[in-house]
Amino acid sequence: MDEAPIIARLDEGDVAGAATEALRLYGQPILGYLHSVARNEADAGEIFSMFCEDLWTGLPQFRRESSFRTWAYKLAWHAAMRFFKDPYRKRAQPLASEEFSRLAQAVRTTTAAHLRTEAKDKIARLRESLDPSEQTLLTLRIDRGMPWQEIAEIMSESGERPAEAALRKRFERLKEKLRKLAQDEGLIPR
């Protein structure tokens, strides 16, 4: 995807415009990812709201050490981890921009219908037993086709060195786990 409009807006000092472009470009894919991690629309919507707040407040600090996509997914991953550590968290403040809030809502509603397809439901049954970390690994690698370096950056903590080899090994174990689940459900032969 072409991140040039986001970067151009940032270079102009137009944070609101950059945030709008970022949501238009990555809003639906990130919400889809959050839906696969959260497993329900309400939680995915709450995490997406947290992500939007983080995006809005964090854009001026984007250092361009990675692609914007990697940075945005890292924000989404960290929002999901905060949510799962405290599932009763209430949003204390609304987004600073009414227009940005409306755009975030529009992304949520258009993506939600797409996520209810029959094919997604079949895949979701296999994924339901996965924890958020496994969901993230599977979604970023398979659904989003991200390279290991970007996934390692997204899933690393601040200041931590990304461990691509460890993620690859976790992914191999995850594929084996999914294969066994599919066999147990009779979806593939033993």
N, C-alpha and C. Protein backbone atom coordinates (compact mmCIF):
# COMPACT_ATOMS: atom_id res chain seq x y z
N MET A 1 0.84 -1.18 0.00
CA MET A 1 0.00 0.00 0.00
C MET A 1 0.88 1.24 0.00
N ASP A 2 0.39 2.25 -0.61
CA ASP A 2 1.15 3.49 -0.74
C ASP A 2 0.96 4.36 0.50
N GLU A 3 2.03 4.46 1.29
CA GLU A 3 1.99 5.25 2.52
C GLU A 3 2.35 6.71 2.28
N ALA A 4 2.62 7.08 1.03
CA ALA A 4 3.06 8.43 0.72
C ALA A 4 2.09 9.51 1.19
N PRO A 5 0.77 9.33 1.05
CA PRO A 5 -0.14 10.38 1.54
C PRO A 5 -0.02 10.61 3.05
N ILE A 6 0.20 9.55 3.80
CA ILE A 6 0.34 9.70 5.26
C ILE A 6 1.61 10.48 5.57
N ILE A 7 2.71 10.07 4.96
CA ILE A 7 4.00 10.70 5.21
C ILE A 7 3.98 12.16 4.76
N ALA A 8 3.34 12.42 3.61
CA ALA A 8 3.26 13.80 3.11
C ALA A 8 2.51 14.69 4.10
N ARG A 9 1.41 14.18 4.64
CA ARG A 9 0.65 14.96 5.63
C ARG A 9 1.47 15.20 6.89
N LEU A 10 2.22 14.19 7.33
CA LEU A 10 3.07 14.37 8.51
C LEU A 10 4.14 15.41 8.24
N ASP A 11 4.75 15.36 7.05
CA ASP A 11 5.78 16.33 6.69
C ASP A 11 5.23 17.76 6.67
N GLU A 12 3.95 17.89 6.34
CA GLU A 12 3.31 19.20 6.33
C GLU A 12 2.88 19.65 7.73
N GLY A 13 3.01 18.74 8.70
CA GLY A 13 2.56 19.06 10.06
C GLY A 13 1.06 18.88 10.25
N ASP A 14 0.41 18.23 9.31
CA ASP A 14 -1.03 18.00 9.35
C ASP A 14 -1.31 16.65 9.99
N VAL A 15 -1.31 16.61 11.33
CA VAL A 15 -1.51 15.36 12.06
C VAL A 15 -2.91 14.81 11.82
N ALA A 16 -3.91 15.67 11.83
CA ALA A 16 -5.29 15.23 11.59
C ALA A 16 -5.43 14.61 10.20
N GLY A 17 -4.83 15.23 9.21
CA GLY A 17 -4.87 14.69 7.85
C GLY A 17 -4.13 13.38 7.74
N ALA A 18 -2.98 13.27 8.41
CA ALA A 18 -2.22 12.02 8.40
C ALA A 18 -3.01 10.91 9.08
N ALA A 19 -3.67 11.22 10.19
CA ALA A 19 -4.48 10.23 10.90
C ALA A 19 -5.65 9.76 10.02
N THR A 20 -6.26 10.69 9.33
CA THR A 20 -7.37 10.34 8.44
C THR A 20 -6.88 9.43 7.31
N GLU A 21 -5.77 9.79 6.69
CA GLU A 21 -5.20 8.95 5.63
C GLU A 21 -4.83 7.57 6.16
N ALA A 22 -4.26 7.52 7.37
CA ALA A 22 -3.86 6.24 7.97
C ALA A 22 -5.07 5.35 8.20
N LEU A 23 -6.15 5.92 8.69
CA LEU A 23 -7.36 5.12 8.92
C LEU A 23 -7.98 4.67 7.61
N ARG A 24 -7.94 5.50 6.61
CA ARG A 24 -8.49 5.10 5.30
C ARG A 24 -7.67 3.96 4.71
N LEU A 25 -6.38 4.00 4.88
CA LEU A 25 -5.50 2.99 4.30
C LEU A 25 -5.47 1.71 5.12
N TYR A 26 -5.35 1.82 6.43
CA TYR A 26 -5.15 0.65 7.27
C TYR A 26 -6.28 0.35 8.25
N GLY A 27 -7.30 1.17 8.31
CA GLY A 27 -8.37 0.98 9.28
C GLY A 27 -9.06 -0.37 9.17
N GLN A 28 -9.52 -0.72 7.99
CA GLN A 28 -10.23 -1.99 7.83
C GLN A 28 -9.34 -3.20 8.06
N PRO A 29 -8.12 -3.25 7.50
CA PRO A 29 -7.27 -4.41 7.79
C PRO A 29 -6.95 -4.55 9.29
N ILE A 30 -6.72 -3.44 9.96
CA ILE A 30 -6.40 -3.52 11.39
C ILE A 30 -7.63 -3.94 12.19
N LEU A 31 -8.79 -3.44 11.84
CA LEU A 31 -9.99 -3.88 12.54
C LEU A 31 -10.24 -5.36 12.29
N GLY A 32 -9.99 -5.83 11.09
CA GLY A 32 -10.12 -7.26 10.80
C GLY A 32 -9.17 -8.09 11.66
N TYR A 33 -7.95 -7.61 11.78
CA TYR A 33 -6.98 -8.28 12.64
C TYR A 33 -7.47 -8.29 14.09
N LEU A 34 -7.95 -7.15 14.57
CA LEU A 34 -8.42 -7.07 15.96
C LEU A 34 -9.64 -7.95 16.17
N HIS A 35 -10.48 -8.08 15.17
CA HIS A 35 -11.64 -8.96 15.29
C HIS A 35 -11.19 -10.41 15.44
N SER A 36 -10.16 -10.81 14.69
CA SER A 36 -9.67 -12.18 14.81
C SER A 36 -9.02 -12.44 16.16
N VAL A 37 -8.42 -11.43 16.74
CA VAL A 37 -7.79 -11.57 18.06
C VAL A 37 -8.84 -11.54 19.17
N ALA A 38 -9.79 -10.63 19.07
CA ALA A 38 -10.77 -10.45 20.14
C ALA A 38 -11.91 -11.46 20.07
N ARG A 39 -12.22 -11.94 18.88
CA ARG A 39 -13.25 -12.94 18.64
C ARG A 39 -14.69 -12.44 18.80
N ASN A 40 -14.89 -11.16 19.04
CA ASN A 40 -16.25 -10.62 19.01
C ASN A 40 -16.20 -9.14 18.66
N GLU A 41 -17.30 -8.68 18.09
CA GLU A 41 -17.34 -7.32 17.56
C GLU A 41 -17.21 -6.25 18.64
N ALA A 42 -17.83 -6.48 19.78
CA ALA A 42 -17.80 -5.47 20.84
C ALA A 42 -16.37 -5.24 21.34
N ASP A 43 -15.67 -6.33 21.64
CA ASP A 43 -14.29 -6.19 22.12
C ASP A 43 -13.38 -5.64 21.02
N ALA A 44 -13.56 -6.13 19.79
CA ALA A 44 -12.75 -5.60 18.68
C ALA A 44 -12.99 -4.11 18.51
N GLY A 45 -14.24 -3.69 18.65
CA GLY A 45 -14.56 -2.27 18.54
C GLY A 45 -13.90 -1.45 19.63
N GLU A 46 -13.89 -1.98 20.85
CA GLU A 46 -13.26 -1.27 21.96
C GLU A 46 -11.74 -1.17 21.74
N ILE A 47 -11.14 -2.27 21.32
CA ILE A 47 -9.69 -2.25 21.07
C ILE A 47 -9.38 -1.32 19.91
N PHE A 48 -10.23 -1.33 18.88
CA PHE A 48 -10.03 -0.43 17.75
C PHE A 48 -10.09 1.02 18.20
N SER A 49 -11.00 1.32 19.11
CA SER A 49 -11.08 2.68 19.66
C SER A 49 -9.79 3.05 20.39
N MET A 50 -9.26 2.10 21.16
CA MET A 50 -8.00 2.34 21.87
C MET A 50 -6.87 2.57 20.85
N PHE A 51 -6.87 1.75 19.78
CA PHE A 51 -5.88 1.91 18.72
C PHE A 51 -5.98 3.30 18.09
N CYS A 52 -7.21 3.73 17.80
CA CYS A 52 -7.41 5.05 17.18
C CYS A 52 -6.89 6.16 18.09
N GLU A 53 -7.14 6.04 19.38
CA GLU A 53 -6.61 7.04 20.31
C GLU A 53 -5.09 7.03 20.30
N ASP A 54 -4.50 5.83 20.31
CA ASP A 54 -3.04 5.73 20.28
C ASP A 54 -2.47 6.30 18.99
N LEU A 55 -3.16 6.03 17.88
CA LEU A 55 -2.73 6.56 16.59
C LEU A 55 -2.79 8.09 16.62
N TRP A 56 -3.91 8.63 17.08
CA TRP A 56 -4.10 10.07 17.13
C TRP A 56 -3.03 10.75 17.98
N THR A 57 -2.80 10.21 19.16
CA THR A 57 -1.84 10.85 20.07
C THR A 57 -0.39 10.52 19.73
N GLY A 58 -0.15 9.39 19.07
CA GLY A 58 1.22 8.96 18.79
C GLY A 58 1.79 9.41 17.47
N LEU A 59 0.95 9.87 16.55
CA LEU A 59 1.44 10.25 15.23
C LEU A 59 2.59 11.25 15.25
N PRO A 60 2.54 12.28 16.08
CA PRO A 60 3.67 13.22 16.07
C PRO A 60 5.01 12.56 16.48
N GLN A 61 4.95 11.43 17.18
CA GLN A 61 6.18 10.75 17.61
C GLN A 61 6.62 9.64 16.65
N PHE A 62 5.90 9.44 15.53
CA PHE A 62 6.29 8.41 14.58
C PHE A 62 7.67 8.75 14.03
N ARG A 63 8.67 7.87 14.31
CA ARG A 63 10.07 8.17 13.98
C ARG A 63 10.52 7.58 12.64
N ARG A 64 9.66 6.85 11.98
CA ARG A 64 9.96 6.27 10.66
C ARG A 64 11.10 5.27 10.71
N GLU A 65 11.23 4.59 11.84
CA GLU A 65 12.23 3.52 11.97
C GLU A 65 11.74 2.24 11.32
N SER A 66 10.46 2.18 11.02
CA SER A 66 9.85 1.04 10.33
C SER A 66 8.81 1.62 9.37
N SER A 67 8.16 0.75 8.62
CA SER A 67 7.09 1.25 7.75
C SER A 67 5.94 1.73 8.63
N PHE A 68 5.11 2.57 8.07
CA PHE A 68 3.96 3.05 8.84
C PHE A 68 3.04 1.88 9.18
N ARG A 69 2.89 0.94 8.24
CA ARG A 69 2.05 -0.23 8.48
C ARG A 69 2.53 -1.01 9.70
N THR A 70 3.83 -1.24 9.79
CA THR A 70 4.38 -1.97 10.93
C THR A 70 4.09 -1.20 12.21
N TRP A 71 4.31 0.09 12.19
CA TRP A 71 4.07 0.92 13.37
C TRP A 71 2.60 0.88 13.78
N ALA A 72 1.69 0.95 12.80
CA ALA A 72 0.25 0.94 13.09
C ALA A 72 -0.17 -0.40 13.68
N TYR A 73 0.33 -1.50 13.13
CA TYR A 73 -0.02 -2.81 13.69
C TYR A 73 0.57 -2.98 15.09
N LYS A 74 1.73 -2.40 15.32
CA LYS A 74 2.30 -2.46 16.67
C LYS A 74 1.40 -1.71 17.66
N LEU A 75 0.88 -0.55 17.25
CA LEU A 75 -0.07 0.17 18.09
C LEU A 75 -1.30 -0.70 18.39
N ALA A 76 -1.80 -1.38 17.35
CA ALA A 76 -2.98 -2.23 17.52
C ALA A 76 -2.68 -3.40 18.45
N TRP A 77 -1.51 -4.01 18.30
CA TRP A 77 -1.10 -5.14 19.16
C TRP A 77 -1.02 -4.69 20.62
N HIS A 78 -0.40 -3.55 20.85
CA HIS A 78 -0.27 -3.07 22.23
C HIS A 78 -1.63 -2.65 22.81
N ALA A 79 -2.51 -2.12 21.99
CA ALA A 79 -3.86 -1.80 22.47
C ALA A 79 -4.59 -3.08 22.87
N ALA A 80 -4.43 -4.13 22.06
CA ALA A 80 -5.07 -5.42 22.38
C ALA A 80 -4.51 -5.99 23.68
N MET A 81 -3.21 -5.90 23.86
CA MET A 81 -2.61 -6.44 25.09
C MET A 81 -3.09 -5.66 26.31
N ARG A 82 -3.22 -4.34 26.20
CA ARG A 82 -3.75 -3.54 27.32
C ARG A 82 -5.19 -3.94 27.61
N PHE A 83 -5.97 -4.13 26.57
CA PHE A 83 -7.37 -4.50 26.74
C PHE A 83 -7.49 -5.85 27.46
N PHE A 84 -6.71 -6.83 27.03
CA PHE A 84 -6.82 -8.16 27.62
C PHE A 84 -6.29 -8.21 29.05
N LYS A 85 -5.38 -7.32 29.37
CA LYS A 85 -4.90 -7.26 30.75
C LYS A 85 -5.93 -6.62 31.67
N ASP A 86 -6.81 -5.78 31.14
CA ASP A 86 -7.85 -5.14 31.92
C ASP A 86 -9.12 -5.05 31.07
N PRO A 87 -9.89 -6.14 30.97
CA PRO A 87 -11.03 -6.15 30.05
C PRO A 87 -12.17 -5.23 30.44
N TYR A 88 -12.17 -4.68 31.63
CA TYR A 88 -13.26 -3.79 32.04
C TYR A 88 -12.88 -2.32 31.92
N ARG A 89 -11.79 -2.10 31.25
CA ARG A 89 -11.30 -0.73 31.07
C ARG A 89 -12.36 0.13 30.37
N LYS A 90 -12.57 1.30 30.91
CA LYS A 90 -13.51 2.26 30.31
C LYS A 90 -12.70 3.39 29.68
N ARG A 91 -13.13 3.81 28.54
CA ARG A 91 -12.46 4.94 27.90
C ARG A 91 -12.75 6.20 28.69
N ALA A 92 -11.70 6.87 29.12
CA ALA A 92 -11.86 8.05 29.97
C ALA A 92 -12.18 9.30 29.16
N GLN A 93 -11.63 9.40 27.94
CA GLN A 93 -11.81 10.61 27.16
C GLN A 93 -12.16 10.24 25.72
N PRO A 94 -13.04 11.00 25.11
CA PRO A 94 -13.33 10.75 23.70
C PRO A 94 -12.16 11.20 22.83
N LEU A 95 -12.17 10.75 21.58
CA LEU A 95 -11.14 11.20 20.66
C LEU A 95 -11.18 12.72 20.52
N ALA A 96 -10.03 13.29 20.27
CA ALA A 96 -9.92 14.75 20.22
C ALA A 96 -10.60 15.35 18.99
N SER A 97 -10.84 14.57 17.96
CA SER A 97 -11.43 15.10 16.73
C SER A 97 -12.75 14.40 16.43
N GLU A 98 -13.81 15.17 16.29
CA GLU A 98 -15.12 14.60 15.96
C GLU A 98 -15.09 13.93 14.59
N GLU A 99 -14.41 14.56 13.63
CA GLU A 99 -14.33 13.99 12.28
C GLU A 99 -13.58 12.66 12.31
N PHE A 100 -12.51 12.59 13.06
CA PHE A 100 -11.74 11.35 13.18
C PHE A 100 -12.58 10.27 13.85
N SER A 101 -13.37 10.63 14.85
CA SER A 101 -14.26 9.67 15.52
C SER A 101 -15.29 9.12 14.54
N ARG A 102 -15.86 9.97 13.70
CA ARG A 102 -16.83 9.51 12.70
C ARG A 102 -16.17 8.55 11.70
N LEU A 103 -14.95 8.85 11.29
CA LEU A 103 -14.24 7.98 10.35
C LEU A 103 -13.96 6.63 11.00
N ALA A 104 -13.55 6.63 12.25
CA ALA A 104 -13.30 5.37 12.97
C ALA A 104 -14.58 4.55 13.04
N GLN A 105 -15.70 5.17 13.31
CA GLN A 105 -16.99 4.47 13.36
C GLN A 105 -17.36 3.91 11.99
N ALA A 106 -17.10 4.66 10.93
CA ALA A 106 -17.42 4.19 9.58
C ALA A 106 -16.60 2.96 9.23
N VAL A 107 -15.33 2.93 9.61
CA VAL A 107 -14.49 1.76 9.36
C VAL A 107 -15.05 0.56 10.11
N ARG A 108 -15.44 0.76 11.37
CA ARG A 108 -15.98 -0.35 12.17
C ARG A 108 -17.23 -0.94 11.52
N THR A 109 -18.15 -0.12 11.08
CA THR A 109 -19.41 -0.63 10.55
C THR A 109 -19.25 -1.28 9.19
N THR A 110 -18.39 -0.77 8.33
CA THR A 110 -18.23 -1.40 7.01
C THR A 110 -17.44 -2.70 7.11
N THR A 111 -16.53 -2.79 8.03
CA THR A 111 -15.74 -4.01 8.17
C THR A 111 -16.55 -5.10 8.84
N ALA A 112 -17.39 -4.77 9.79
CA ALA A 112 -18.13 -5.78 10.54
C ALA A 112 -18.96 -6.67 9.63
N ALA A 113 -19.61 -6.11 8.62
CA ALA A 113 -20.42 -6.92 7.71
C ALA A 113 -19.55 -7.90 6.95
N HIS A 114 -18.38 -7.49 6.52
CA HIS A 114 -17.47 -8.35 5.79
C HIS A 114 -16.99 -9.52 6.64
N LEU A 115 -16.83 -9.29 7.92
CA LEU A 115 -16.31 -10.34 8.79
C LEU A 115 -17.33 -11.43 9.11
N ARG A 116 -18.59 -11.23 8.74
CA ARG A 116 -19.62 -12.22 9.06
C ARG A 116 -19.86 -13.20 7.91
N THR A 117 -18.96 -13.33 6.97
CA THR A 117 -19.15 -14.25 5.87
C THR A 117 -19.02 -15.69 6.37
N GLU A 118 -19.59 -16.59 5.61
CA GLU A 118 -19.58 -18.00 5.99
C GLU A 118 -18.16 -18.56 6.07
N ALA A 119 -17.31 -18.17 5.12
CA ALA A 119 -15.93 -18.66 5.13
C ALA A 119 -15.20 -18.21 6.39
N LYS A 120 -15.42 -16.98 6.80
CA LYS A 120 -14.77 -16.48 8.01
C LYS A 120 -15.25 -17.26 9.23
N ASP A 121 -16.55 -17.62 9.25
CA ASP A 121 -17.09 -18.37 10.39
C ASP A 121 -16.44 -19.75 10.52
N LYS A 122 -16.22 -20.42 9.39
CA LYS A 122 -15.59 -21.74 9.43
C LYS A 122 -14.16 -21.66 9.97
N ILE A 123 -13.43 -20.69 9.49
CA ILE A 123 -12.05 -20.50 9.95
C ILE A 123 -12.04 -20.08 11.42
N ALA A 124 -12.98 -19.26 11.80
CA ALA A 124 -13.04 -18.77 13.19
C ALA A 124 -13.20 -19.90 14.18
N ARG A 125 -13.94 -20.95 13.80
CA ARG A 125 -14.11 -22.08 14.72
C ARG A 125 -12.78 -22.73 15.07
N LEU A 126 -11.89 -22.82 14.12
CA LEU A 126 -10.58 -23.39 14.40
C LEU A 126 -9.72 -22.44 15.23
N ARG A 127 -9.89 -21.16 15.01
CA ARG A 127 -9.05 -20.17 15.67
C ARG A 127 -9.51 -19.83 17.09
N GLU A 128 -10.73 -20.21 17.45
CA GLU A 128 -11.28 -19.79 18.74
C GLU A 128 -10.44 -20.25 19.93
N SER A 129 -9.76 -21.35 19.80
CA SER A 129 -8.98 -21.84 20.93
C SER A 129 -7.61 -21.17 21.05
N LEU A 130 -7.26 -20.33 20.09
CA LEU A 130 -5.95 -19.68 20.11
C LEU A 130 -5.96 -18.48 21.04
N ASP A 131 -4.83 -18.25 21.71
CA ASP A 131 -4.73 -17.06 22.56
C ASP A 131 -4.40 -15.84 21.69
N PRO A 132 -4.50 -14.63 22.25
CA PRO A 132 -4.28 -13.43 21.43
C PRO A 132 -2.91 -13.39 20.74
N SER A 133 -1.89 -13.90 21.38
CA SER A 133 -0.56 -13.92 20.78
C SER A 133 -0.53 -14.84 19.56
N GLU A 134 -1.15 -16.01 19.68
CA GLU A 134 -1.22 -16.93 18.55
C GLU A 134 -2.07 -16.35 17.43
N GLN A 135 -3.18 -15.71 17.80
CA GLN A 135 -4.04 -15.06 16.81
C GLN A 135 -3.26 -13.99 16.04
N THR A 136 -2.49 -13.21 16.77
CA THR A 136 -1.72 -12.15 16.14
C THR A 136 -0.70 -12.73 15.17
N LEU A 137 0.03 -13.73 15.60
CA LEU A 137 1.03 -14.36 14.76
C LEU A 137 0.40 -14.91 13.49
N LEU A 138 -0.71 -15.62 13.62
CA LEU A 138 -1.39 -16.21 12.48
C LEU A 138 -1.95 -15.13 11.54
N THR A 139 -2.58 -14.14 12.10
CA THR A 139 -3.19 -13.09 11.29
C THR A 139 -2.15 -12.28 10.52
N LEU A 140 -1.10 -11.87 11.22
CA LEU A 140 -0.09 -11.04 10.56
C LEU A 140 0.67 -11.81 9.49
N ARG A 141 0.97 -13.08 9.74
CA ARG A 141 1.75 -13.85 8.79
C ARG A 141 0.90 -14.37 7.62
N ILE A 142 -0.26 -14.96 7.94
CA ILE A 142 -1.07 -15.57 6.89
C ILE A 142 -2.04 -14.57 6.26
N ASP A 143 -2.85 -13.93 7.08
CA ASP A 143 -3.88 -13.04 6.54
C ASP A 143 -3.30 -11.77 5.94
N ARG A 144 -2.27 -11.21 6.57
CA ARG A 144 -1.71 -9.95 6.10
C ARG A 144 -0.43 -10.13 5.28
N GLY A 145 0.15 -11.34 5.30
CA GLY A 145 1.34 -11.62 4.50
C GLY A 145 2.56 -10.82 4.89
N MET A 146 2.66 -10.47 6.15
CA MET A 146 3.79 -9.65 6.62
C MET A 146 5.06 -10.47 6.72
N PRO A 147 6.20 -9.86 6.43
CA PRO A 147 7.48 -10.56 6.60
C PRO A 147 7.80 -10.72 8.10
N TRP A 148 8.65 -11.69 8.40
CA TRP A 148 8.98 -12.00 9.79
C TRP A 148 9.58 -10.80 10.51
N GLN A 149 10.38 -10.02 9.83
CA GLN A 149 11.02 -8.86 10.48
C GLN A 149 9.96 -7.88 10.99
N GLU A 150 8.91 -7.63 10.19
CA GLU A 150 7.86 -6.72 10.62
C GLU A 150 7.05 -7.30 11.77
N ILE A 151 6.76 -8.60 11.70
CA ILE A 151 6.00 -9.25 12.77
C ILE A 151 6.80 -9.20 14.08
N ALA A 152 8.10 -9.44 13.98
CA ALA A 152 8.94 -9.38 15.18
C ALA A 152 8.94 -7.97 15.77
N GLU A 153 8.97 -6.97 14.91
CA GLU A 153 8.93 -5.58 15.38
C GLU A 153 7.60 -5.27 16.06
N ILE A 154 6.51 -5.72 15.46
CA ILE A 154 5.17 -5.46 16.02
C ILE A 154 5.02 -6.11 17.38
N MET A 155 5.47 -7.35 17.52
CA MET A 155 5.23 -8.10 18.75
C MET A 155 6.30 -7.90 19.81
N SER A 156 7.31 -7.10 19.52
CA SER A 156 8.36 -6.87 20.51
C SER A 156 7.95 -5.75 21.46
N GLU A 157 8.48 -5.80 22.64
CA GLU A 157 8.27 -4.73 23.61
C GLU A 157 9.26 -3.61 23.29
N SER A 158 9.00 -2.43 23.81
CA SER A 158 9.89 -1.29 23.59
C SER A 158 11.29 -1.62 24.09
N GLY A 159 12.28 -1.35 23.28
CA GLY A 159 13.66 -1.57 23.66
C GLY A 159 14.11 -3.02 23.54
N GLU A 160 13.19 -3.92 23.26
CA GLU A 160 13.51 -5.33 23.14
C GLU A 160 13.94 -5.64 21.71
N ARG A 161 14.92 -6.50 21.55
CA ARG A 161 15.37 -6.86 20.21
C ARG A 161 14.41 -7.88 19.60
N PRO A 162 13.87 -7.60 18.42
CA PRO A 162 12.95 -8.54 17.80
C PRO A 162 13.61 -9.90 17.55
N ALA A 163 12.91 -10.96 17.88
CA ALA A 163 13.44 -12.31 17.76
C ALA A 163 12.69 -13.06 16.65
N GLU A 164 13.16 -12.89 15.42
CA GLU A 164 12.50 -13.52 14.28
C GLU A 164 12.54 -15.04 14.36
N ALA A 165 13.69 -15.60 14.75
CA ALA A 165 13.83 -17.06 14.81
C ALA A 165 12.85 -17.67 15.80
N ALA A 166 12.68 -17.02 16.94
CA ALA A 166 11.73 -17.53 17.93
C ALA A 166 10.31 -17.48 17.40
N LEU A 167 9.97 -16.41 16.67
CA LEU A 167 8.63 -16.31 16.10
C LEU A 167 8.40 -17.39 15.04
N ARG A 168 9.40 -17.66 14.24
CA ARG A 168 9.27 -18.72 13.23
C ARG A 168 9.00 -20.07 13.89
N LYS A 169 9.69 -20.35 14.99
CA LYS A 169 9.50 -21.61 15.71
C LYS A 169 8.09 -21.65 16.32
N ARG A 170 7.66 -20.53 16.91
CA ARG A 170 6.30 -20.48 17.46
C ARG A 170 5.27 -20.71 16.36
N PHE A 171 5.54 -20.17 15.19
CA PHE A 171 4.62 -20.33 14.07
C PHE A 171 4.54 -21.79 13.63
N GLU A 172 5.68 -22.48 13.61
CA GLU A 172 5.68 -23.91 13.27
C GLU A 172 4.84 -24.70 14.27
N ARG A 173 4.99 -24.40 15.56
CA ARG A 173 4.19 -25.08 16.59
C ARG A 173 2.71 -24.74 16.42
N LEU A 174 2.42 -23.51 16.06
CA LEU A 174 1.04 -23.08 15.85
C LEU A 174 0.41 -23.81 14.67
N LYS A 175 1.15 -23.97 13.59
CA LYS A 175 0.62 -24.70 12.43
C LYS A 175 0.29 -26.14 12.81
N GLU A 176 1.16 -26.76 13.60
CA GLU A 176 0.92 -28.13 14.06
C GLU A 176 -0.33 -28.19 14.95
N LYS A 177 -0.47 -27.23 15.83
CA LYS A 177 -1.65 -27.16 16.70
C LYS A 177 -2.92 -27.04 15.87
N LEU A 178 -2.91 -26.16 14.86
CA LEU A 178 -4.09 -25.98 14.01
C LEU A 178 -4.38 -27.24 13.19
N ARG A 179 -3.35 -27.91 12.74
CA ARG A 179 -3.53 -29.16 11.99
C ARG A 179 -4.23 -30.19 12.87
N LYS A 180 -3.80 -30.32 14.12
CA LYS A 180 -4.42 -31.27 15.04
C LYS A 180 -5.87 -30.89 15.34
N LEU A 181 -6.12 -29.59 15.52
CA LEU A 181 -7.50 -29.14 15.75
C LEU A 181 -8.38 -29.48 14.55
N ALA A 182 -7.87 -29.25 13.35
CA ALA A 182 -8.63 -29.55 12.13
C ALA A 182 -8.89 -31.05 12.01
N GLN A 183 -7.91 -31.86 12.38
CA GLN A 183 -8.10 -33.31 12.36
C GLN A 183 -9.15 -33.73 13.39
N ASP A 184 -9.07 -33.18 14.59
CA ASP A 184 -10.03 -33.51 15.65
C ASP A 184 -11.47 -33.15 15.23
N GLU A 185 -11.61 -32.09 14.47
CA GLU A 185 -12.93 -31.66 14.01
C GLU A 185 -13.37 -32.39 12.74
N GLY A 186 -12.49 -33.22 12.18
CA GLY A 186 -12.82 -33.96 10.97
C GLY A 186 -12.77 -33.12 9.70
N LEU A 187 -12.08 -31.99 9.78
CA LEU A 187 -11.98 -31.12 8.60
C LEU A 187 -10.91 -31.58 7.63
N ILE A 188 -9.89 -32.26 8.15
CA ILE A 188 -8.85 -32.84 7.30
C ILE A 188 -8.59 -34.27 7.79
N PRO A 189 -8.13 -35.15 6.91
CA PRO A 189 -7.87 -36.53 7.32
C PRO A 189 -6.64 -36.61 8.22
N ARG A 190 -6.61 -37.64 9.02
CA ARG A 190 -5.45 -37.86 9.90
C ARG A 190 -4.30 -38.44 9.12
